[in-house]
Protein backbone atom coordinates (compact mmCIF):
# COMPACT_ATOMS: atom_id res chain seq x y z
CA UNK A 1 -17.05 21.65 -8.11
CA UNK A 2 -15.78 22.16 -4.31
CA UNK A 3 -14.20 25.42 -4.52
CA UNK A 4 -15.52 28.44 -6.34
CA UNK A 5 -12.40 30.79 -5.91
CA UNK A 6 -9.20 30.37 -7.35
CA UNK A 7 -7.23 30.71 -4.13
CA UNK A 8 -9.51 27.69 -2.93
CA UNK A 9 -8.18 25.04 -5.13
CA UNK A 10 -7.18 21.76 -3.93
CA UNK A 11 -5.59 19.39 -5.76
CA UNK A 12 -4.89 16.01 -4.50
CA UNK A 13 -2.29 14.37 -6.35
CA UNK A 14 -1.38 10.48 -6.27
CA UNK A 15 2.82 9.88 -6.22
CA UNK A 16 5.55 7.69 -6.10
CA UNK A 17 9.17 7.70 -7.10
CA UNK A 18 10.89 10.38 -9.22
CA UNK A 19 8.63 11.27 -11.79
CA UNK A 20 5.65 11.96 -9.16
CA UNK A 21 8.26 13.72 -6.96
CA UNK A 22 8.94 16.05 -10.26
CA UNK A 23 5.37 16.70 -10.86
CA UNK A 24 4.47 17.37 -7.58
CA UNK A 25 6.78 20.01 -7.20
CA UNK A 26 5.42 21.66 -10.24
CA UNK A 27 2.33 21.68 -8.75
CA UNK A 28 3.56 23.18 -5.10
CA UNK A 29 4.96 25.98 -7.22
CA UNK A 30 1.71 26.59 -9.38
CA UNK A 31 -0.32 26.64 -6.62
CA UNK A 32 -0.89 29.02 -3.47
CA UNK A 33 0.65 27.40 -0.23
CA UNK A 34 -1.27 24.60 1.26
CA UNK A 35 -3.27 23.91 -1.53
CA UNK A 36 -1.84 20.62 -2.84
CA UNK A 37 -1.78 17.62 -1.15
CA UNK A 38 0.30 14.45 -1.98
CA UNK A 39 -0.64 11.01 -1.36
CA UNK A 40 2.37 8.89 -1.43
CA UNK A 41 2.83 5.13 -1.88
CA UNK A 42 4.13 3.44 0.95
CA UNK A 43 4.14 -0.70 -0.22
CA UNK A 44 8.05 -0.07 -1.04
CA UNK A 45 8.58 0.52 2.60
CA UNK A 46 10.81 -1.79 4.24
CA UNK A 47 13.01 -2.63 7.28
CA UNK A 48 16.95 -2.34 6.12
CA UNK A 49 19.76 -1.87 9.08
CA UNK A 50 16.70 -2.09 11.37
CA UNK A 51 15.46 0.95 10.24
CA UNK A 52 11.99 1.64 8.74
CA UNK A 53 12.50 3.41 5.42
CA UNK A 54 10.11 5.26 2.98
CA UNK A 55 11.50 5.71 -0.12
CA UNK A 56 8.97 6.86 -1.90
CA UNK A 57 7.62 9.52 1.09
CA UNK A 58 11.66 10.80 1.17
CA UNK A 59 11.94 11.15 -2.38
CA UNK A 60 8.68 13.20 -2.72
CA UNK A 61 9.48 15.24 0.58
CA UNK A 62 13.12 15.81 -0.31
CA UNK A 63 11.99 17.30 -3.93
CA UNK A 64 9.39 19.15 -2.48
CA UNK A 65 11.82 20.89 0.04
CA UNK A 66 14.56 21.08 -2.84
CA UNK A 67 16.83 19.14 -1.10
CA UNK A 68 16.87 15.98 -3.38
CA UNK A 69 20.13 14.78 -5.70
CA UNK A 70 19.35 16.78 -8.77
CA UNK A 71 21.25 14.10 -10.93
CA UNK A 72 19.46 10.99 -9.51
CA UNK A 73 16.28 12.63 -8.06
CA UNK A 74 16.19 10.85 -4.93
CA UNK A 75 18.42 10.71 -1.84
CA UNK A 76 19.67 13.81 -0.66
CA UNK A 77 21.93 16.77 -2.40
CA UNK A 78 25.54 17.33 -1.30
CA UNK A 79 25.70 13.56 0.13
CA UNK A 80 28.51 11.76 2.17
CA UNK A 81 28.44 7.87 2.45
CA UNK A 82 30.93 7.66 5.34
CA UNK A 83 28.44 5.04 7.47
CA UNK A 84 27.74 3.14 4.30
CA UNK A 85 31.78 2.55 3.31
CA UNK A 86 32.01 1.50 7.34
CA UNK A 87 29.02 -0.80 7.19
CA UNK A 88 30.66 -2.69 4.21
CA UNK A 89 33.59 -3.03 5.91
CA UNK A 90 31.89 -4.77 8.70
CA UNK A 91 30.04 -7.11 6.42
CA UNK A 92 26.83 -5.18 6.30
CA UNK A 93 24.71 -5.11 3.49
CA UNK A 94 25.17 -2.45 1.26
CA UNK A 95 23.01 -3.03 -1.56
CA UNK A 96 20.58 -0.12 -0.84
CA UNK A 97 22.64 2.77 -0.70
CA UNK A 98 21.89 5.07 2.23
CA UNK A 99 23.68 8.57 2.53
CA UNK A 100 24.55 10.09 5.72
CA UNK A 101 22.00 12.70 5.56
CA UNK A 102 19.48 10.45 4.50
CA UNK A 103 20.20 8.08 7.21
CA UNK A 104 19.09 10.48 10.08
CA UNK A 105 15.89 10.92 8.25
CA UNK A 106 15.52 7.23 8.55
CA UNK A 107 16.83 6.87 12.22
CA UNK A 108 14.31 9.64 13.48
CA UNK A 109 11.22 8.20 11.82
CA UNK A 110 11.93 4.85 13.47
CA UNK A 111 12.53 6.09 17.04
CA UNK A 112 9.01 7.72 16.43
CA UNK A 113 7.47 4.53 15.20
CA UNK A 114 9.11 3.08 18.22
CA UNK A 115 7.02 5.49 20.43
CA UNK A 116 3.67 4.98 18.79
CA UNK A 117 3.52 7.86 16.39
CA UNK A 118 1.44 6.59 13.28
CA UNK A 119 3.31 7.58 10.02
CA UNK A 120 0.83 10.10 9.18
CA UNK A 121 2.02 12.48 11.77
CA UNK A 122 5.88 11.50 11.49
CA UNK A 123 5.66 12.70 7.50
CA UNK A 124 3.87 15.43 8.67
CA UNK A 125 6.40 16.34 11.28
CA UNK A 126 9.06 16.03 8.63
CA UNK A 127 7.76 18.09 5.81
CA UNK A 128 7.27 20.88 8.64
CA UNK A 129 10.74 20.56 9.51
CA UNK A 130 12.05 21.20 5.74
CA UNK A 131 9.04 23.96 5.62
CA UNK A 132 7.10 22.29 3.02
CA UNK A 133 3.65 23.81 2.55
CA UNK A 134 2.45 20.85 0.98
CA UNK A 135 0.39 17.99 2.45
CA UNK A 136 2.15 15.21 2.36
CA UNK A 137 0.14 11.85 3.46
CA UNK A 138 0.91 8.21 3.23
CA UNK A 139 -1.88 5.96 1.58
CA UNK A 140 -2.22 3.91 5.09
CA UNK A 141 -0.97 4.23 8.54
CA UNK A 142 -1.12 0.38 8.08
CA UNK A 143 2.04 -1.73 6.35
CA UNK A 144 1.31 -3.00 2.71
CA UNK A 145 4.32 -4.28 1.37
CA UNK A 146 4.30 -4.78 -2.59
CA UNK A 147 5.26 -8.59 -3.39
CA UNK A 148 6.76 -8.50 -6.95
CA UNK A 149 6.02 -12.30 -8.36
CA UNK A 150 8.74 -13.04 -11.02
CA UNK A 151 9.82 -16.08 -13.31
CA UNK A 152 12.58 -16.69 -10.39
CA UNK A 153 10.09 -16.81 -7.53
CA UNK A 154 8.71 -13.91 -5.13
CA UNK A 155 10.86 -10.96 -4.41
CA UNK A 156 9.64 -8.06 -2.05
CA UNK A 157 9.77 -5.11 -3.62
CA UNK A 158 13.23 -3.21 -2.84
CA UNK A 159 14.81 -6.69 -3.57
CA UNK A 160 13.39 -6.85 -7.07
CA UNK A 161 13.67 -3.22 -7.66
CA UNK A 162 17.27 -2.31 -5.89
CA UNK A 163 18.97 -5.40 -5.32
CA UNK A 164 18.18 -7.00 -8.55
CA UNK A 165 17.74 -3.96 -10.59
CA UNK A 166 14.32 -5.00 -11.94
CA UNK A 167 16.12 -8.22 -13.96
CA UNK A 168 13.62 -11.07 -13.13
CA UNK A 169 10.73 -11.34 -15.53
CA UNK A 170 7.42 -10.07 -14.07
CA UNK A 171 4.80 -12.17 -13.65
CA UNK A 172 2.12 -10.46 -11.30
CA UNK A 173 2.39 -8.09 -8.08
CA UNK A 174 0.39 -8.41 -4.54
CA UNK A 175 0.11 -5.43 -2.26
CA UNK A 176 0.00 -7.63 0.82
CA UNK A 177 -1.79 -6.31 3.69
CA UNK A 178 -3.81 -3.52 1.23
CA UNK A 179 -6.95 -5.20 1.89
CA UNK A 180 -6.64 -4.82 5.75
CA UNK A 181 -5.50 -1.34 5.37
CA UNK A 182 -7.13 1.89 6.43
CA UNK A 183 -7.36 5.07 4.80
CA UNK A 184 -6.15 8.06 6.80
CA UNK A 185 -8.51 10.36 8.10
CA UNK A 186 -6.20 12.94 7.04
CA UNK A 187 -6.62 11.40 3.32
CA UNK A 188 -10.46 11.37 3.81
CA UNK A 189 -10.47 15.02 4.21
CA UNK A 190 -8.12 15.75 1.70
CA UNK A 191 -10.36 13.58 -0.95
CA UNK A 192 -12.93 15.65 0.32
CA UNK A 193 -11.74 18.93 -0.05
CA UNK A 194 -10.23 18.07 -3.69
CA UNK A 195 -11.24 20.06 -6.76
CA UNK A 196 -8.84 17.89 -9.07
CA UNK A 197 -7.12 14.56 -8.64
CA UNK A 198 -4.01 13.82 -10.47
CA UNK A 199 -2.22 10.80 -10.90
CA UNK A 200 1.25 11.79 -11.74
CA UNK A 201 3.35 9.88 -14.29
CA UNK A 202 4.67 7.39 -11.69
CA UNK A 203 5.00 3.84 -12.50
CA UNK A 204 1.39 2.72 -12.99
CA UNK A 205 2.07 -0.63 -11.31
CA UNK A 206 4.49 -0.06 -8.54
CA UNK A 207 3.43 3.31 -7.69
CA UNK A 208 -0.35 3.90 -8.19
CA UNK A 209 -1.91 0.74 -7.88
CA UNK A 210 -0.64 -0.18 -4.21
CA UNK A 211 -2.58 3.48 -3.34
CA UNK A 212 -5.47 2.38 -5.38
CA UNK A 213 -5.60 -0.92 -3.86
CA UNK A 214 -5.87 0.52 -0.21
CA UNK A 215 -9.90 -0.44 0.94
CA UNK A 216 -11.72 1.23 -1.61
CA UNK A 217 -9.88 4.09 -2.39
CA UNK A 218 -10.06 3.19 -6.13
CA UNK A 219 -14.01 3.26 -5.79
CA UNK A 220 -13.79 6.49 -3.65
CA UNK A 221 -11.61 8.28 -6.38
CA UNK A 222 -14.13 7.50 -9.13
CA UNK A 223 -17.05 8.35 -7.27
CA UNK A 224 -15.63 12.14 -6.32
CA UNK A 225 -17.32 14.74 -8.67
CA UNK A 226 -14.48 16.60 -9.63
CA UNK A 227 -11.63 15.80 -12.99
CA UNK A 228 -9.39 12.85 -12.60
CA UNK A 229 -6.26 13.37 -14.70
CA UNK A 230 -3.35 10.79 -15.57
CA UNK A 231 -0.23 12.22 -16.78
CA UNK A 232 1.75 9.66 -18.99
CA UNK A 233 4.99 8.22 -17.57
CA UNK A 234 5.62 6.56 -21.14
CA UNK A 235 7.02 8.66 -23.96
CA UNK A 236 8.00 7.31 -27.45
CA UNK A 237 7.65 3.53 -26.05
CA UNK A 238 9.98 3.94 -23.23
CA UNK A 239 9.76 5.18 -19.40
CA UNK A 240 11.54 8.16 -18.53
CA UNK A 241 12.62 6.74 -15.08
CA UNK A 242 12.35 2.93 -13.94
CA UNK A 243 10.97 -0.31 -15.40
CA UNK A 244 7.23 0.70 -16.04
CA UNK A 245 7.98 -0.21 -20.17
CA UNK A 246 9.90 -3.47 -19.66
CA UNK A 247 7.14 -4.14 -17.10
CA UNK A 248 4.46 -3.57 -19.56
CA UNK A 249 6.11 -5.62 -22.39
CA UNK A 250 6.52 -8.61 -19.68
CA UNK A 251 2.98 -8.49 -18.80
CA UNK A 252 2.06 -8.81 -22.59
CA UNK A 253 0.96 -5.23 -23.17
CA UNK A 254 2.41 -2.43 -25.63
CA UNK A 255 5.33 -0.10 -23.74
CA UNK A 256 2.64 2.69 -25.21
CA UNK A 257 0.32 5.72 -23.23
CA UNK A 258 -2.68 3.72 -24.60
CA UNK A 259 -1.96 0.71 -21.94
CA UNK A 260 -1.38 3.51 -19.31
CA UNK A 261 -5.13 4.57 -20.19
CA UNK A 262 -6.68 1.04 -20.53
CA UNK A 263 -4.85 0.25 -16.83
CA UNK A 264 -6.38 3.47 -15.13
CA UNK A 265 -9.89 2.57 -17.06
CA UNK A 266 -12.92 4.21 -15.83
CA UNK A 267 -10.81 5.88 -13.34
CA UNK A 268 -9.82 8.86 -15.62
CA UNK A 269 -11.77 11.91 -17.19
CA UNK A 270 -8.69 12.88 -19.06
CA UNK A 271 -5.32 12.04 -19.99
CA UNK A 272 -1.63 14.10 -20.47
CA UNK A 273 0.14 12.66 -23.37
CA UNK A 274 3.16 13.31 -24.55
CA UNK A 275 3.66 15.67 -27.82
CA UNK A 276 6.19 12.89 -28.99
CA UNK A 277 3.37 10.66 -28.71
CA UNK A 278 0.84 12.97 -30.42
CA UNK A 279 -0.26 10.26 -33.30
CA UNK A 280 -1.90 8.47 -30.63
CA UNK A 281 -4.03 11.52 -29.45
CA UNK A 282 -7.29 10.02 -31.31
CA UNK A 283 -6.90 6.53 -29.93
CA UNK A 284 -6.79 7.75 -26.28
CA UNK A 285 -10.66 8.03 -26.08
CA UNK A 286 -10.64 10.72 -23.33
CA UNK A 287 -10.09 14.35 -23.47
CA UNK A 288 -6.54 14.78 -24.53
CA UNK A 289 -3.65 17.32 -23.62
CA UNK A 290 -0.68 17.32 -25.60
CA UNK A 291 2.33 18.79 -24.37
CA UNK A 292 6.15 18.38 -23.24
CA UNK A 293 6.03 16.38 -20.28
CA UNK A 294 9.45 15.77 -19.57
CA UNK A 295 10.45 17.66 -16.65
CA UNK A 296 14.49 18.65 -16.69
CA UNK A 297 14.41 21.47 -14.18
CA UNK A 298 12.05 23.70 -12.25
CA UNK A 299 10.86 25.84 -14.89
CA UNK A 300 9.88 22.98 -16.48
CA UNK A 301 7.74 21.33 -13.97
CA UNK A 302 5.95 24.38 -13.05
CA UNK A 303 5.51 24.85 -16.78
CA UNK A 304 4.05 21.16 -17.07
CA UNK A 305 1.94 21.82 -13.82
CA UNK A 306 0.03 24.88 -15.08
CA UNK A 307 -0.63 23.46 -18.31
CA UNK A 308 -2.27 20.41 -16.46
CA UNK A 309 -4.49 23.09 -14.18
CA UNK A 310 -5.65 25.07 -17.17
CA UNK A 311 -6.81 21.52 -18.94
CA UNK A 312 -8.57 20.82 -15.95
CA UNK A 313 -10.34 23.98 -15.96
CA UNK A 314 -11.75 23.06 -19.38
CA UNK A 315 -12.08 19.56 -18.28
CA UNK A 316 -14.57 20.59 -15.50
CA UNK A 317 -16.60 22.89 -17.62
CA UNK A 318 -16.98 20.15 -20.08
CA UNK A 319 -17.93 17.68 -17.72
CA UNK A 320 -20.58 19.81 -15.75
CA UNK A 321 -21.75 21.40 -18.59
CA UNK A 322 -21.32 25.02 -16.77
CA UNK A 323 -18.51 27.44 -16.78
CA UNK A 324 -15.73 26.07 -14.47
CA UNK A 325 -15.02 27.53 -11.16
CA UNK A 326 -11.49 26.53 -10.63
CA UNK A 327 -10.50 29.76 -11.96
CA UNK A 328 -7.42 30.56 -13.20
CA UNK A 329 -4.23 29.45 -11.95
CA UNK A 330 -2.40 32.03 -9.93
């Protein structure tokens, strides 16, 4: 492993959406400051009201800063919607609900983009402004757009996900621009320093696949000599948040953690299964941690993160045949 000391442990998490943001928050609490990097999906970025909006980046940042809406998991706490209400009176599109506090983030980001700053630098400025010790990195500074192929035709991601509430039947997905997108130098550096890779309980198709689609990201991750774990986003046949279970069924797959394992394939060295699906452990065919994966509050987020770190230490020892140098979680 790369880091022999506990305080040098560096974890890289791949995340998008509320589930990913929750686990990222737990990992941040369980690790020393600055030892977590979150690589975030930007396939759902889009332009609205003339502004560049990064829903997954903002969800991760707001959660890490503790300023998110605790009821939805996304958006800002103590939000108001004066601008949205006025926009509706003016006949503007209001299907994507932007709060007043959230609007300031989009305005500032768009201003910086027009000044020529890369998204990586802009995201770093935002997380520093909110005092977040975790490095938050977009998967690429180049545009990648998730295009959803449905039984009603092709839909841009936010039109499928928010405007249509995932009602159309999914046929396939394309990550437009991924073949030309580059991996930022900051992501390269984080991967080079990583002692553990965690695929958060995000939607595999909508949140994690876009990250893996950029350049040769999947191959780079597979080649890293560190444990790579995925946390199930499916519990008892259902997604705790979002349309993952519905999408699996529409793609002809079981709504099951086993589908997640098969989907990630040889990328994984271990899997975190919810205790409600403990009967599936033998079928996972990977070293498996069975635990309560449902995160309802700060304590449960940190508890799951610490269990994952402990599991990773065991897995690292099994993979290397030597005592793990991941150390004990602080």
